[in-house]
Amino acid sequence: MATWTNKQWGAVIGALLLFSMFLIGFEQTLVVVLFGIIGYVIGKYLDGEIDTEDIRARAQGRQNNM
């Protein structure tokens, strides 16, 4: 891998920050994993891999069908 993407950096930074805040334990580990996933999703958004307009259109389409 030549360079890291924003989603990879987001996952690592989110996980490391929370790991250092809680310094382990089962519940804290779950929180670290959750924030790692959140960081990954934020990184995907910053990389342009998540299309918010498409998500909004799908949500509005579901509301109209109900």
N, C-alpha and C. Protein backbone atom coordinates (compact mmCIF):
# COMPACT_ATOMS: atom_id res chain seq x y z
N MET A 1 0.86 -1.17 0.00
CA MET A 1 0.00 0.00 0.00
C MET A 1 0.90 1.23 0.00
N ALA A 2 0.76 2.08 -0.98
CA ALA A 2 1.62 3.25 -1.11
C ALA A 2 1.24 4.33 -0.09
N THR A 3 0.00 4.73 -0.07
CA THR A 3 -0.45 5.75 0.87
C THR A 3 -1.75 5.30 1.52
N TRP A 4 -2.03 5.87 2.66
CA TRP A 4 -3.27 5.55 3.37
C TRP A 4 -4.38 6.47 2.89
N THR A 5 -5.60 5.94 2.87
CA THR A 5 -6.76 6.76 2.51
C THR A 5 -7.31 7.42 3.77
N ASN A 6 -8.20 8.38 3.57
CA ASN A 6 -8.82 9.06 4.70
C ASN A 6 -9.60 8.09 5.58
N LYS A 7 -10.26 7.10 4.97
CA LYS A 7 -11.05 6.17 5.78
C LYS A 7 -10.15 5.31 6.66
N GLN A 8 -8.97 4.96 6.17
CA GLN A 8 -8.03 4.19 7.00
C GLN A 8 -7.48 5.03 8.14
N TRP A 9 -7.12 6.26 7.83
CA TRP A 9 -6.65 7.16 8.88
C TRP A 9 -7.74 7.42 9.91
N GLY A 10 -8.95 7.63 9.45
CA GLY A 10 -10.06 7.88 10.37
C GLY A 10 -10.30 6.72 11.31
N ALA A 11 -10.24 5.51 10.79
CA ALA A 11 -10.44 4.32 11.63
C ALA A 11 -9.32 4.19 12.65
N VAL A 12 -8.09 4.39 12.23
CA VAL A 12 -6.95 4.25 13.15
C VAL A 12 -6.96 5.34 14.21
N ILE A 13 -7.19 6.56 13.80
CA ILE A 13 -7.18 7.67 14.75
C ILE A 13 -8.33 7.54 15.75
N GLY A 14 -9.52 7.23 15.26
CA GLY A 14 -10.66 7.05 16.17
C GLY A 14 -10.42 5.93 17.16
N ALA A 15 -9.88 4.82 16.70
CA ALA A 15 -9.62 3.69 17.59
C ALA A 15 -8.52 4.01 18.59
N LEU A 16 -7.45 4.65 18.16
CA LEU A 16 -6.34 4.96 19.07
C LEU A 16 -6.73 5.99 20.12
N LEU A 17 -7.50 6.99 19.74
CA LEU A 17 -7.93 7.99 20.72
C LEU A 17 -8.77 7.36 21.82
N LEU A 18 -9.72 6.57 21.43
CA LEU A 18 -10.56 5.96 22.45
C LEU A 18 -9.83 4.89 23.24
N PHE A 19 -8.93 4.18 22.61
CA PHE A 19 -8.13 3.19 23.34
C PHE A 19 -7.32 3.87 24.44
N SER A 20 -6.71 4.99 24.11
CA SER A 20 -5.91 5.70 25.10
C SER A 20 -6.78 6.32 26.19
N MET A 21 -8.03 6.67 25.87
CA MET A 21 -8.92 7.25 26.88
C MET A 21 -9.41 6.19 27.86
N PHE A 22 -9.76 5.03 27.40
CA PHE A 22 -10.37 4.01 28.25
C PHE A 22 -9.38 3.00 28.81
N LEU A 23 -8.28 2.78 28.15
CA LEU A 23 -7.27 1.79 28.50
C LEU A 23 -7.90 0.47 28.94
N ILE A 24 -8.58 -0.10 28.11
CA ILE A 24 -9.13 -1.42 27.90
C ILE A 24 -10.21 -1.84 28.90
N GLY A 25 -10.71 -3.04 28.71
CA GLY A 25 -11.89 -3.57 29.38
C GLY A 25 -12.90 -3.92 28.29
N PHE A 26 -13.85 -4.80 28.60
CA PHE A 26 -14.76 -5.29 27.56
C PHE A 26 -15.62 -4.17 26.99
N GLU A 27 -16.30 -3.43 27.87
CA GLU A 27 -17.20 -2.38 27.38
C GLU A 27 -16.41 -1.30 26.63
N GLN A 28 -15.24 -0.97 27.15
CA GLN A 28 -14.42 0.05 26.50
C GLN A 28 -13.93 -0.42 25.14
N THR A 29 -13.64 -1.71 25.04
CA THR A 29 -13.22 -2.25 23.75
C THR A 29 -14.33 -2.13 22.72
N LEU A 30 -15.57 -2.38 23.15
CA LEU A 30 -16.70 -2.21 22.23
C LEU A 30 -16.82 -0.76 21.77
N VAL A 31 -16.59 0.17 22.68
CA VAL A 31 -16.65 1.59 22.31
C VAL A 31 -15.54 1.93 21.32
N VAL A 32 -14.34 1.39 21.54
CA VAL A 32 -13.22 1.64 20.61
C VAL A 32 -13.56 1.11 19.22
N VAL A 33 -14.12 -0.09 19.16
CA VAL A 33 -14.49 -0.67 17.87
C VAL A 33 -15.57 0.18 17.20
N LEU A 34 -16.56 0.62 17.96
CA LEU A 34 -17.63 1.46 17.42
C LEU A 34 -17.06 2.74 16.82
N PHE A 35 -16.18 3.40 17.56
CA PHE A 35 -15.61 4.65 17.04
C PHE A 35 -14.65 4.40 15.88
N GLY A 36 -14.02 3.24 15.84
CA GLY A 36 -13.21 2.88 14.68
C GLY A 36 -14.07 2.76 13.43
N ILE A 37 -15.24 2.15 13.59
CA ILE A 37 -16.18 2.02 12.47
C ILE A 37 -16.69 3.39 12.05
N ILE A 38 -17.02 4.24 13.03
CA ILE A 38 -17.48 5.59 12.72
C ILE A 38 -16.39 6.35 11.97
N GLY A 39 -15.15 6.23 12.41
CA GLY A 39 -14.03 6.88 11.71
C GLY A 39 -13.87 6.37 10.30
N TYR A 40 -14.07 5.07 10.11
CA TYR A 40 -13.99 4.48 8.77
C TYR A 40 -15.06 5.07 7.85
N VAL A 41 -16.29 5.19 8.37
CA VAL A 41 -17.38 5.74 7.56
C VAL A 41 -17.12 7.21 7.23
N ILE A 42 -16.63 7.97 8.20
CA ILE A 42 -16.29 9.37 7.94
C ILE A 42 -15.19 9.46 6.88
N GLY A 43 -14.20 8.59 6.96
CA GLY A 43 -13.15 8.56 5.95
C GLY A 43 -13.68 8.23 4.57
N LYS A 44 -14.61 7.26 4.50
CA LYS A 44 -15.22 6.94 3.20
C LYS A 44 -15.95 8.15 2.64
N TYR A 45 -16.65 8.90 3.50
CA TYR A 45 -17.36 10.10 3.05
C TYR A 45 -16.35 11.13 2.53
N LEU A 46 -15.26 11.34 3.26
CA LEU A 46 -14.25 12.32 2.83
C LEU A 46 -13.57 11.89 1.54
N ASP A 47 -13.44 10.59 1.30
CA ASP A 47 -12.87 10.09 0.05
C ASP A 47 -13.87 10.17 -1.11
N GLY A 48 -15.12 10.50 -0.82
CA GLY A 48 -16.14 10.60 -1.87
C GLY A 48 -16.76 9.27 -2.24
N GLU A 49 -16.60 8.26 -1.39
CA GLU A 49 -17.15 6.94 -1.69
C GLU A 49 -18.59 6.78 -1.21
N ILE A 50 -19.08 7.73 -0.43
CA ILE A 50 -20.48 7.69 0.03
C ILE A 50 -21.20 8.86 -0.62
N ASP A 51 -22.26 8.57 -1.36
CA ASP A 51 -23.04 9.59 -2.06
C ASP A 51 -24.25 9.95 -1.21
N THR A 52 -24.18 11.11 -0.52
CA THR A 52 -25.27 11.50 0.37
C THR A 52 -26.55 11.80 -0.40
N GLU A 53 -26.44 12.30 -1.61
CA GLU A 53 -27.64 12.58 -2.41
C GLU A 53 -28.38 11.29 -2.74
N ASP A 54 -27.65 10.22 -3.04
CA ASP A 54 -28.26 8.93 -3.32
C ASP A 54 -28.97 8.39 -2.08
N ILE A 55 -28.32 8.52 -0.93
CA ILE A 55 -28.93 8.06 0.32
C ILE A 55 -30.21 8.84 0.61
N ARG A 56 -30.16 10.15 0.42
CA ARG A 56 -31.34 11.00 0.65
C ARG A 56 -32.47 10.62 -0.30
N ALA A 57 -32.15 10.38 -1.57
CA ALA A 57 -33.17 10.01 -2.56
C ALA A 57 -33.80 8.67 -2.20
N ARG A 58 -33.00 7.73 -1.76
CA ARG A 58 -33.55 6.43 -1.36
C ARG A 58 -34.47 6.56 -0.16
N ALA A 59 -34.06 7.37 0.82
CA ALA A 59 -34.89 7.56 2.02
C ALA A 59 -36.21 8.23 1.66
N GLN A 60 -36.18 9.21 0.78
CA GLN A 60 -37.41 9.88 0.38
C GLN A 60 -38.29 8.95 -0.44
N GLY A 61 -37.68 8.08 -1.23
CA GLY A 61 -38.45 7.11 -2.01
C GLY A 61 -39.17 6.13 -1.11
N ARG A 62 -38.55 5.73 -0.02
CA ARG A 62 -39.19 4.82 0.93
C ARG A 62 -40.35 5.51 1.64
N GLN A 63 -40.18 6.78 1.97
CA GLN A 63 -41.24 7.52 2.65
C GLN A 63 -42.45 7.68 1.73
N ASN A 64 -42.22 7.88 0.45
CA ASN A 64 -43.32 8.05 -0.49
C ASN A 64 -44.07 6.75 -0.72
N ASN A 65 -43.40 5.61 -0.59
CA ASN A 65 -44.04 4.32 -0.82
C ASN A 65 -44.89 3.87 0.35
N MET A 66 -44.71 4.47 1.52
CA MET A 66 -45.46 4.03 2.70
C MET A 66 -46.81 4.66 2.79
